[in-house]
Structure formats: structure tokens, C-alpha cells
Amino acid sequence: MSKKFNAQLLTPDGPLFEGEVISVQVPGTAGNFQMLHNHAPVVSSLGIGKISLQTAENEEIIYAVSGGFVEMSKNQCTLLAEKAELSNEIDVTEAIKQRDELRNLLKTITQNREEAELELAIAENRVKIASF
């Protein structure tokens, strides 16, 4: 039987998840990594990508995340996300529309290009995660 630990996912809008998990996979800015019971203490920044929580009931919960931080210490994992959305709550049609609009905008934009590229990366991630 897999050992469990506590995890919570918090955003500026409020908590999205709190409970026992078997594993947490995150998009660290230096690469994706997984945390299990008794993982060494770690603090890492999060990039744009997918957070995957395997609950104690062996259910996988997937979130699209657009940055933040994760801390794991003494079998407590705390995820502080700038923004996170459950994969099954993302409107795929709207996400595709937003992504396509941002792609078209990037064809003509000259100022604030980095900001637009970041927004496009977030939109592309939402489309990808909505497909899980």
C-alpha cells in the first residue's frame, strides 16, 4: 500500500484542494518532478504546466497552472499557484479561441511582446490540459 501525505493547493482566489495524496507531480521551472511520502524538503518555483495529484483514493486530479511555488517538508506539500484550473472545468472551445486570438496578435505586436508570449504560453497550456 502506498504511503500518504498531506497536500494543499492554494491560489489568490482561495484553496482549490486539500487532502491526503499518494503523489504530487509539478512543473518546476527547472523541470518536472514528483513528490512522494518522505520526500526530502524542497522549495521550488512553478512554471506553466500541469499539476497532477494522485489522491489517497487513487484518483488523479489534474490542474493547469501558470506559475507559483511549491514547498514540501515533513510530509506536507503546499502549492501556491498564481492561477490554477481543474482540467475538466476548462472550456476547450473558449481556450482554443483565446489561444488563436493571441497567436494572431503576436503576428503584429511589437511592444510588450514578452507579455503576449507569456499569455500565449498560458493559453496553449490550458488547451493541452483540457485534453486530459
Protein backbone atom coordinates (compact mmCIF):
# COMPACT_ATOMS: atom_id res chain seq x y z
CA MET A 1 0.00 0.00 0.00
CA SER A 2 1.31 3.44 -0.94
CA LYS A 3 2.05 5.82 1.86
CA LYS A 4 0.09 9.06 2.01
CA PHE A 5 0.92 12.64 2.87
CA ASN A 6 -0.98 15.91 3.06
CA ALA A 7 -1.22 18.37 0.18
CA GLN A 8 -2.94 21.66 -0.40
CA LEU A 9 -3.26 23.82 -3.50
CA LEU A 10 -3.85 27.50 -2.79
CA THR A 11 -4.48 30.42 -5.15
CA PRO A 12 -5.16 34.12 -4.56
CA ASP A 13 -8.85 33.26 -5.13
CA GLY A 14 -8.81 30.64 -2.39
CA PRO A 15 -7.99 26.97 -1.78
CA LEU A 16 -8.59 24.51 -4.63
CA PHE A 17 -7.53 21.26 -2.96
CA GLU A 18 -6.72 19.98 0.49
CA GLY A 19 -6.36 16.34 1.43
CA GLU A 20 -4.29 13.18 1.53
CA VAL A 21 -2.35 12.20 -1.58
CA ILE A 22 -0.03 9.45 -2.73
CA SER A 23 1.93 11.66 -5.12
CA VAL A 24 2.18 15.19 -6.47
CA GLN A 25 3.73 15.99 -9.86
CA VAL A 26 4.56 19.60 -10.66
CA PRO A 27 6.12 21.69 -13.44
CA GLY A 28 9.17 23.10 -11.70
CA THR A 29 10.87 25.91 -13.61
CA ALA A 30 13.98 23.68 -13.83
CA GLY A 31 11.90 20.66 -14.94
CA ASN A 32 9.00 18.50 -13.89
CA PHE A 33 9.30 16.47 -10.70
CA GLN A 34 7.27 14.21 -8.46
CA MET A 35 6.98 14.13 -4.69
CA LEU A 36 6.09 11.06 -2.65
CA HIS A 37 5.81 10.28 1.07
CA ASN A 38 9.01 11.23 2.96
CA HIS A 39 10.32 13.34 0.07
CA ALA A 40 13.32 15.45 1.01
CA PRO A 41 12.45 19.04 1.94
CA VAL A 42 12.23 21.21 -1.14
CA VAL A 43 11.11 24.68 -2.19
CA SER A 44 10.76 25.32 -5.92
CA SER A 45 9.18 27.80 -8.27
CA LEU A 46 6.47 26.51 -10.60
CA GLY A 47 6.33 27.15 -14.30
CA ILE A 48 3.46 26.89 -16.75
CA GLY A 49 2.23 23.32 -16.96
CA LYS A 50 0.33 20.54 -15.24
CA ILE A 51 -0.09 19.71 -11.57
CA SER A 52 -1.16 16.11 -11.06
CA LEU A 53 -2.38 14.93 -7.68
CA GLN A 54 -2.92 11.22 -7.05
CA THR A 55 -5.32 11.13 -4.12
CA ALA A 56 -5.42 8.58 -1.34
CA GLU A 57 -8.44 7.09 -3.16
CA ASN A 58 -6.18 6.60 -6.22
CA GLU A 59 -7.99 9.29 -8.22
CA GLU A 60 -5.90 11.57 -10.44
CA ILE A 61 -6.77 15.26 -10.27
CA ILE A 62 -5.17 17.48 -12.91
CA TYR A 63 -4.79 21.25 -12.84
CA ALA A 64 -3.44 23.71 -15.40
CA VAL A 65 -1.08 26.05 -13.56
CA SER A 66 0.57 29.28 -14.63
CA GLY A 67 3.32 29.76 -12.08
CA GLY A 68 3.82 29.88 -8.35
CA PHE A 69 5.75 27.95 -5.73
CA VAL A 70 5.76 24.53 -4.07
CA GLU A 71 7.13 23.57 -0.67
CA MET A 72 7.47 20.02 0.60
CA SER A 73 8.52 19.43 4.20
CA LYS A 74 7.68 16.78 6.81
CA ASN A 75 5.08 15.10 4.56
CA GLN A 76 3.22 18.36 3.96
CA CYS A 77 3.10 19.67 0.38
CA THR A 78 1.92 23.24 -0.11
CA LEU A 79 1.35 24.53 -3.64
CA LEU A 80 0.94 28.30 -4.01
CA ALA A 81 -0.26 28.90 -7.56
CA GLU A 82 -0.67 32.25 -9.28
CA LYS A 83 -3.58 30.66 -11.13
CA ALA A 84 -4.78 27.06 -11.37
CA GLU A 85 -7.79 25.45 -13.06
CA LEU A 86 -9.16 21.93 -12.91
CA SER A 87 -8.66 20.27 -16.28
CA ASN A 88 -12.31 19.23 -16.58
CA GLU A 89 -13.52 22.78 -15.83
CA ILE A 90 -11.63 24.42 -18.72
CA ASP A 91 -13.92 25.38 -21.60
CA VAL A 92 -11.95 23.89 -24.51
CA THR A 93 -13.72 25.96 -27.16
CA GLU A 94 -13.05 29.20 -25.29
CA ALA A 95 -9.44 28.18 -24.58
CA ILE A 96 -8.82 27.45 -28.28
CA LYS A 97 -10.42 30.76 -29.27
CA GLN A 98 -8.23 32.67 -26.80
CA ARG A 99 -5.10 30.84 -27.98
CA ASP A 100 -5.85 31.59 -31.64
CA GLU A 101 -6.52 35.28 -30.89
CA LEU A 102 -3.18 35.52 -29.08
CA ARG A 103 -1.38 33.82 -31.97
CA ASN A 104 -2.84 36.37 -34.38
CA LEU A 105 -1.94 39.24 -32.06
CA LEU A 106 1.68 38.09 -31.94
CA LYS A 107 1.91 38.40 -35.73
CA THR A 108 1.53 42.18 -35.46
CA ILE A 109 2.63 43.17 -31.96
CA THR A 110 5.92 45.00 -31.48
CA GLN A 111 5.61 46.31 -27.90
CA ASN A 112 5.02 44.17 -24.82
CA ARG A 113 5.83 41.10 -26.92
CA GLU A 114 7.17 39.14 -23.93
CA GLU A 115 3.91 39.64 -22.06
CA ALA A 116 1.89 38.49 -25.09
CA GLU A 117 4.15 35.43 -25.49
CA LEU A 118 3.59 34.53 -21.83
CA GLU A 119 -0.17 34.87 -22.28
CA LEU A 120 0.04 32.64 -25.37
CA ALA A 121 2.02 30.00 -23.43
CA ILE A 122 -0.66 30.02 -20.71
CA ALA A 123 -3.43 29.71 -23.31
CA GLU A 124 -1.65 26.83 -25.07
CA ASN A 125 -1.21 25.07 -21.72
CA ARG A 126 -4.93 25.44 -20.96
CA VAL A 127 -5.82 23.83 -24.30
CA LYS A 128 -3.35 20.99 -23.66
CA ILE A 129 -4.52 20.34 -20.09
CA ALA A 130 -8.19 20.48 -21.07
CA SER A 131 -7.50 17.48 -23.32
CA PHE A 132 -6.55 15.20 -20.36
